[in-house]
Amino acid sequence: MEQVVVQDKEWAHDWNIIVNIFNIIDHLKSLFDDLDVSYLRELQQNILILNLEKYVWSLQQYIIEKYSRE
């Protein structure tokens, strides 16, 4: 029973980190929106955001798989 409680706490901790990273990405998007940059820079910013989101989605999937096995 105690292992389940520990696992639940670890899951909650990991999940909160994932949520915080998504919030940071949203904040970064809003900061980028406030910049007046060239079209190419905007594209680079969009690519950066997409790659960050892709990475966090993969982390999220990893966390789901990790705790569904245990």
PDB file of N, CA and C in Angstrom:
ATOM      1  N   MET A   1       0.826  -1.193   0.000  1.00  0.00           N
ATOM      2  CA  MET A   1       0.000   0.000   0.000  1.00  0.00           C
ATOM      3  C   MET A   1       0.873   1.261   0.000  1.00  0.00           C
ATOM      4  N   GLU A   2       1.958   1.218   0.787  1.00  0.00           N
ATOM      5  CA  GLU A   2       2.824   2.385   0.887  1.00  0.00           C
ATOM      6  C   GLU A   2       3.508   2.676  -0.434  1.00  0.00           C
ATOM      7  N   GLN A   3       3.840   1.619  -1.192  1.00  0.00           N
ATOM      8  CA  GLN A   3       4.480   1.834  -2.488  1.00  0.00           C
ATOM      9  C   GLN A   3       3.538   2.573  -3.441  1.00  0.00           C
ATOM     10  N   VAL A   4       2.249   2.276  -3.358  1.00  0.00           N
ATOM     11  CA  VAL A   4       1.271   2.966  -4.205  1.00  0.00           C
ATOM     12  C   VAL A   4       1.236   4.447  -3.859  1.00  0.00           C
ATOM     13  N   VAL A   5       1.293   4.774  -2.569  1.00  0.00           N
ATOM     14  CA  VAL A   5       1.282   6.170  -2.137  1.00  0.00           C
ATOM     15  C   VAL A   5       2.528   6.882  -2.644  1.00  0.00           C
ATOM     16  N   VAL A   6       3.679   6.248  -2.530  1.00  0.00           N
ATOM     17  CA  VAL A   6       4.920   6.836  -3.023  1.00  0.00           C
ATOM     18  C   VAL A   6       4.842   7.026  -4.533  1.00  0.00           C
ATOM     19  N   GLN A   7       4.336   6.026  -5.241  1.00  0.00           N
ATOM     20  CA  GLN A   7       4.206   6.121  -6.691  1.00  0.00           C
ATOM     21  C   GLN A   7       3.253   7.255  -7.074  1.00  0.00           C
ATOM     22  N   ASP A   8       2.153   7.402  -6.331  1.00  0.00           N
ATOM     23  CA  ASP A   8       1.213   8.491  -6.604  1.00  0.00           C
ATOM     24  C   ASP A   8       1.872   9.844  -6.404  1.00  0.00           C
ATOM     25  N   LYS A   9       2.696   9.974  -5.378  1.00  0.00           N
ATOM     26  CA  LYS A   9       3.387  11.237  -5.127  1.00  0.00           C
ATOM     27  C   LYS A   9       4.407  11.519  -6.225  1.00  0.00           C
ATOM     28  N   GLU A  10       5.122  10.492  -6.661  1.00  0.00           N
ATOM     29  CA  GLU A  10       6.093  10.658  -7.747  1.00  0.00           C
ATOM     30  C   GLU A  10       5.382  11.047  -9.039  1.00  0.00           C
ATOM     31  N   TRP A  11       4.247  10.378  -9.323  1.00  0.00           N
ATOM     32  CA  TRP A  11       3.461  10.697 -10.505  1.00  0.00           C
ATOM     33  C   TRP A  11       3.015  12.158 -10.452  1.00  0.00           C
ATOM     34  N   ALA A  12       2.477  12.587  -9.336  1.00  0.00           N
ATOM     35  CA  ALA A  12       1.995  13.962  -9.189  1.00  0.00           C
ATOM     36  C   ALA A  12       3.142  14.960  -9.372  1.00  0.00           C
ATOM     37  N   HIS A  13       4.291  14.650  -8.802  1.00  0.00           N
ATOM     38  CA  HIS A  13       5.453  15.527  -8.934  1.00  0.00           C
ATOM     39  C   HIS A  13       5.882  15.641 -10.398  1.00  0.00           C
ATOM     40  N   ASP A  14       6.028  14.505 -11.060  1.00  0.00           N
ATOM     41  CA  ASP A  14       6.439  14.497 -12.465  1.00  0.00           C
ATOM     42  C   ASP A  14       5.410  15.212 -13.341  1.00  0.00           C
ATOM     43  N   TRP A  15       4.121  14.968 -13.055  1.00  0.00           N
ATOM     44  CA  TRP A  15       3.068  15.576 -13.851  1.00  0.00           C
ATOM     45  C   TRP A  15       3.061  17.095 -13.664  1.00  0.00           C
ATOM     46  N   ASN A  16       3.284  17.557 -12.449  1.00  0.00           N
ATOM     47  CA  ASN A  16       3.359  18.997 -12.201  1.00  0.00           C
ATOM     48  C   ASN A  16       4.512  19.641 -12.964  1.00  0.00           C
ATOM     49  N   ILE A  17       5.611  18.948 -13.062  1.00  0.00           N
ATOM     50  CA  ILE A  17       6.747  19.466 -13.826  1.00  0.00           C
ATOM     51  C   ILE A  17       6.369  19.600 -15.300  1.00  0.00           C
ATOM     52  N   ILE A  18       5.703  18.595 -15.851  1.00  0.00           N
ATOM     53  CA  ILE A  18       5.263  18.645 -17.254  1.00  0.00           C
ATOM     54  C   ILE A  18       4.324  19.840 -17.470  1.00  0.00           C
ATOM     55  N   VAL A  19       3.371  20.009 -16.570  1.00  0.00           N
ATOM     56  CA  VAL A  19       2.425  21.125 -16.673  1.00  0.00           C
ATOM     57  C   VAL A  19       3.169  22.457 -16.590  1.00  0.00           C
ATOM     58  N   ASN A  20       4.131  22.561 -15.695  1.00  0.00           N
ATOM     59  CA  ASN A  20       4.911  23.789 -15.560  1.00  0.00           C
ATOM     60  C   ASN A  20       5.703  24.086 -16.831  1.00  0.00           C
ATOM     61  N   ILE A  21       6.252  23.066 -17.450  1.00  0.00           N
ATOM     62  CA  ILE A  21       7.003  23.272 -18.694  1.00  0.00           C
ATOM     63  C   ILE A  21       6.071  23.798 -19.787  1.00  0.00           C
ATOM     64  N   PHE A  22       4.861  23.226 -19.886  1.00  0.00           N
ATOM     65  CA  PHE A  22       3.902  23.728 -20.871  1.00  0.00           C
ATOM     66  C   PHE A  22       3.540  25.186 -20.579  1.00  0.00           C
ATOM     67  N   ASN A  23       3.398  25.533 -19.308  1.00  0.00           N
ATOM     68  CA  ASN A  23       3.105  26.919 -18.942  1.00  0.00           C
ATOM     69  C   ASN A  23       4.253  27.849 -19.329  1.00  0.00           C
ATOM     70  N   ILE A  24       5.467  27.387 -19.142  1.00  0.00           N
ATOM     71  CA  ILE A  24       6.640  28.181 -19.529  1.00  0.00           C
ATOM     72  C   ILE A  24       6.666  28.385 -21.044  1.00  0.00           C
ATOM     73  N   ILE A  25       6.336  27.346 -21.788  1.00  0.00           N
ATOM     74  CA  ILE A  25       6.285  27.467 -23.253  1.00  0.00           C
ATOM     75  C   ILE A  25       5.225  28.494 -23.651  1.00  0.00           C
ATOM     76  N   ASP A  26       4.059  28.458 -23.002  1.00  0.00           N
ATOM     77  CA  ASP A  26       3.024  29.451 -23.287  1.00  0.00           C
ATOM     78  C   ASP A  26       3.524  30.864 -22.990  1.00  0.00           C
ATOM     79  N   HIS A  27       4.230  31.017 -21.895  1.00  0.00           N
ATOM     80  CA  HIS A  27       4.788  32.319 -21.540  1.00  0.00           C
ATOM     81  C   HIS A  27       5.817  32.762 -22.587  1.00  0.00           C
ATOM     82  N   LEU A  28       6.640  31.837 -23.013  1.00  0.00           N
ATOM     83  CA  LEU A  28       7.636  32.139 -24.041  1.00  0.00           C
ATOM     84  C   LEU A  28       6.961  32.584 -25.339  1.00  0.00           C
ATOM     85  N   LYS A  29       5.864  31.918 -25.700  1.00  0.00           N
ATOM     86  CA  LYS A  29       5.108  32.321 -26.891  1.00  0.00           C
ATOM     87  C   LYS A  29       4.644  33.767 -26.762  1.00  0.00           C
ATOM     88  N   SER A  30       4.117  34.124 -25.612  1.00  0.00           N
ATOM     89  CA  SER A  30       3.626  35.493 -25.435  1.00  0.00           C
ATOM     90  C   SER A  30       4.771  36.496 -25.478  1.00  0.00           C
ATOM     91  N   LEU A  31       5.925  36.124 -24.964  1.00  0.00           N
ATOM     92  CA  LEU A  31       7.085  37.007 -25.054  1.00  0.00           C
ATOM     93  C   LEU A  31       7.520  37.191 -26.504  1.00  0.00           C
ATOM     94  N   PHE A  32       7.525  36.114 -27.255  1.00  0.00           N
ATOM     95  CA  PHE A  32       7.881  36.200 -28.668  1.00  0.00           C
ATOM     96  C   PHE A  32       6.885  37.080 -29.429  1.00  0.00           C
ATOM     97  N   ASP A  33       5.618  36.996 -29.060  1.00  0.00           N
ATOM     98  CA  ASP A  33       4.599  37.803 -29.740  1.00  0.00           C
ATOM     99  C   ASP A  33       4.850  39.297 -29.560  1.00  0.00           C
ATOM    100  N   ASP A  34       5.489  39.660 -28.475  1.00  0.00           N
ATOM    101  CA  ASP A  34       5.759  41.069 -28.194  1.00  0.00           C
ATOM    102  C   ASP A  34       6.962  41.616 -28.949  1.00  0.00           C
ATOM    103  N   LEU A  35       7.696  40.736 -29.603  1.00  0.00           N
ATOM    104  CA  LEU A  35       8.872  41.176 -30.356  1.00  0.00           C
ATOM    105  C   LEU A  35       8.491  41.587 -31.769  1.00  0.00           C
ATOM    106  N   ASP A  36       9.154  42.613 -32.247  1.00  0.00           N
ATOM    107  CA  ASP A  36       8.982  43.033 -33.631  1.00  0.00           C
ATOM    108  C   ASP A  36      10.231  42.590 -34.398  1.00  0.00           C
ATOM    109  N   VAL A  37      10.105  41.418 -35.020  1.00  0.00           N
ATOM    110  CA  VAL A  37      11.258  40.831 -35.703  1.00  0.00           C
ATOM    111  C   VAL A  37      10.888  40.510 -37.147  1.00  0.00           C
ATOM    112  N   SER A  38      11.886  40.176 -37.910  1.00  0.00           N
ATOM    113  CA  SER A  38      11.653  39.828 -39.314  1.00  0.00           C
ATOM    114  C   SER A  38      10.866  38.520 -39.423  1.00  0.00           C
ATOM    115  N   TYR A  39      10.344  38.297 -40.611  1.00  0.00           N
ATOM    116  CA  TYR A  39       9.563  37.097 -40.882  1.00  0.00           C
ATOM    117  C   TYR A  39      10.381  35.824 -40.622  1.00  0.00           C
ATOM    118  N   LEU A  40      11.641  35.828 -41.010  1.00  0.00           N
ATOM    119  CA  LEU A  40      12.487  34.646 -40.795  1.00  0.00           C
ATOM    120  C   LEU A  40      12.699  34.377 -39.310  1.00  0.00           C
ATOM    121  N   ARG A  41      12.852  35.430 -38.531  1.00  0.00           N
ATOM    122  CA  ARG A  41      12.995  35.251 -37.081  1.00  0.00           C
ATOM    123  C   ARG A  41      11.707  34.686 -36.492  1.00  0.00           C
ATOM    124  N   GLU A  42      10.575  35.156 -36.987  1.00  0.00           N
ATOM    125  CA  GLU A  42       9.293  34.616 -36.516  1.00  0.00           C
ATOM    126  C   GLU A  42       9.194  33.126 -36.811  1.00  0.00           C
ATOM    127  N   LEU A  43       9.615  32.755 -38.001  1.00  0.00           N
ATOM    128  CA  LEU A  43       9.603  31.330 -38.352  1.00  0.00           C
ATOM    129  C   LEU A  43      10.515  30.530 -37.427  1.00  0.00           C
ATOM    130  N   GLN A  44      11.684  31.064 -37.143  1.00  0.00           N
ATOM    131  CA  GLN A  44      12.604  30.380 -36.233  1.00  0.00           C
ATOM    132  C   GLN A  44      11.991  30.244 -34.842  1.00  0.00           C
ATOM    133  N   GLN A  45      11.315  31.279 -34.398  1.00  0.00           N
ATOM    134  CA  GLN A  45      10.660  31.208 -33.086  1.00  0.00           C
ATOM    135  C   GLN A  45       9.571  30.147 -33.082  1.00  0.00           C
ATOM    136  N   ASN A  46       8.801  30.105 -34.163  1.00  0.00           N
ATOM    137  CA  ASN A  46       7.740  29.102 -34.255  1.00  0.00           C
ATOM    138  C   ASN A  46       8.307  27.691 -34.273  1.00  0.00           C
ATOM    139  N   ILE A  47       9.382  27.515 -34.984  1.00  0.00           N
ATOM    140  CA  ILE A  47      10.029  26.195 -35.030  1.00  0.00           C
ATOM    141  C   ILE A  47      10.556  25.816 -33.651  1.00  0.00           C
ATOM    142  N   LEU A  48      11.148  26.774 -32.972  1.00  0.00           N
ATOM    143  CA  LEU A  48      11.634  26.525 -31.615  1.00  0.00           C
ATOM    144  C   LEU A  48      10.493  26.089 -30.695  1.00  0.00           C
ATOM    145  N   ILE A  49       9.391  26.810 -30.736  1.00  0.00           N
ATOM    146  CA  ILE A  49       8.232  26.472 -29.904  1.00  0.00           C
ATOM    147  C   ILE A  49       7.705  25.084 -30.260  1.00  0.00           C
ATOM    148  N   LEU A  50       7.583  24.803 -31.540  1.00  0.00           N
ATOM    149  CA  LEU A  50       7.098  23.483 -31.961  1.00  0.00           C
ATOM    150  C   LEU A  50       8.012  22.363 -31.481  1.00  0.00           C
ATOM    151  N   ASN A  51       9.305  22.574 -31.566  1.00  0.00           N
ATOM    152  CA  ASN A  51      10.245  21.554 -31.100  1.00  0.00           C
ATOM    153  C   ASN A  51      10.181  21.381 -29.583  1.00  0.00           C
ATOM    154  N   LEU A  52      10.034  22.478 -28.869  1.00  0.00           N
ATOM    155  CA  LEU A  52       9.874  22.377 -27.406  1.00  0.00           C
ATOM    156  C   LEU A  52       8.603  21.620 -27.054  1.00  0.00           C
ATOM    157  N   GLU A  53       7.515  21.953 -27.727  1.00  0.00           N
ATOM    158  CA  GLU A  53       6.248  21.260 -27.462  1.00  0.00           C
ATOM    159  C   GLU A  53       6.352  19.774 -27.811  1.00  0.00           C
ATOM    160  N   LYS A  54       6.980  19.478 -28.906  1.00  0.00           N
ATOM    161  CA  LYS A  54       7.168  18.079 -29.315  1.00  0.00           C
ATOM    162  C   LYS A  54       7.953  17.310 -28.246  1.00  0.00           C
ATOM    163  N   TYR A  55       9.003  17.947 -27.735  1.00  0.00           N
ATOM    164  CA  TYR A  55       9.815  17.301 -26.707  1.00  0.00           C
ATOM    165  C   TYR A  55       9.010  17.074 -25.428  1.00  0.00           C
ATOM    166  N   VAL A  56       8.231  18.064 -25.027  1.00  0.00           N
ATOM    167  CA  VAL A  56       7.454  17.918 -23.792  1.00  0.00           C
ATOM    168  C   VAL A  56       6.348  16.888 -23.971  1.00  0.00           C
ATOM    169  N   TRP A  57       5.755  16.825 -25.169  1.00  0.00           N
ATOM    170  CA  TRP A  57       4.765  15.776 -25.424  1.00  0.00           C
ATOM    171  C   TRP A  57       5.407  14.394 -25.291  1.00  0.00           C
ATOM    172  N   SER A  58       6.653  14.268 -25.756  1.00  0.00           N
ATOM    173  CA  SER A  58       7.330  12.970 -25.628  1.00  0.00           C
ATOM    174  C   SER A  58       7.642  12.673 -24.161  1.00  0.00           C
ATOM    175  N   LEU A  59       7.997  13.701 -23.396  1.00  0.00           N
ATOM    176  CA  LEU A  59       8.198  13.501 -21.953  1.00  0.00           C
ATOM    177  C   LEU A  59       6.900  13.070 -21.277  1.00  0.00           C
ATOM    178  N   GLN A  60       5.830  13.721 -21.675  1.00  0.00           N
ATOM    179  CA  GLN A  60       4.531  13.369 -21.108  1.00  0.00           C
ATOM    180  C   GLN A  60       4.197  11.909 -21.408  1.00  0.00           C
ATOM    181  N   GLN A  61       4.435  11.492 -22.626  1.00  0.00           N
ATOM    182  CA  GLN A  61       4.182  10.101 -23.001  1.00  0.00           C
ATOM    183  C   GLN A  61       5.065   9.146 -22.193  1.00  0.00           C
ATOM    184  N   TYR A  62       6.312   9.533 -21.990  1.00  0.00           N
ATOM    185  CA  TYR A  62       7.225   8.723 -21.194  1.00  0.00           C
ATOM    186  C   TYR A  62       6.709   8.568 -19.763  1.00  0.00           C
ATOM    187  N   ILE A  63       6.250   9.668 -19.169  1.00  0.00           N
ATOM    188  CA  ILE A  63       5.731   9.630 -17.799  1.00  0.00           C
ATOM    189  C   ILE A  63       4.503   8.726 -17.724  1.00  0.00           C
ATOM    190  N   ILE A  64       3.628   8.842 -18.704  1.00  0.00           N
ATOM    191  CA  ILE A  64       2.419   7.991 -18.718  1.00  0.00           C
ATOM    192  C   ILE A  64       2.817   6.534 -18.795  1.00  0.00           C
ATOM    193  N   GLU A  65       3.738   6.196 -19.688  1.00  0.00           N
ATOM    194  CA  GLU A  65       4.176   4.801 -19.833  1.00  0.00           C
ATOM    195  C   GLU A  65       4.897   4.311 -18.584  1.00  0.00           C
ATOM    196  N   LYS A  66       5.713   5.158 -18.017  1.00  0.00           N
ATOM    197  CA  LYS A  66       6.493   4.783 -16.827  1.00  0.00           C
ATOM    198  C   LYS A  66       5.593   4.375 -15.680  1.00  0.00           C
ATOM    199  N   TYR A  67       4.573   5.149 -15.424  1.00  0.00           N
ATOM    200  CA  TYR A  67       3.708   4.867 -14.272  1.00  0.00           C
ATOM    201  C   TYR A  67       2.586   3.887 -14.589  1.00  0.00           C
ATOM    202  N   SER A  68       2.297   3.647 -15.841  1.00  0.00           N
ATOM    203  CA  SER A  68       1.290   2.646 -16.155  1.00  0.00           C
ATOM    204  C   SER A  68       1.874   1.234 -16.062  1.00  0.00           C
ATOM    205  N   ARG A  69       3.191   1.126 -16.170  1.00  0.00           N
ATOM    206  CA  ARG A  69       3.859  -0.184 -16.041  1.00  0.00           C
ATOM    207  C   ARG A  69       3.979  -0.612 -14.594  1.00  0.00           C
ATOM    208  N   GLU A  70       4.174   0.354 -13.728  1.00  0.00           N
ATOM    209  CA  GLU A  70       4.468   0.019 -12.319  1.00  0.00           C
ATOM    210  C   GLU A  70       3.230  -0.348 -11.551  1.00  0.00           C
TER     211      GLU A  70
END
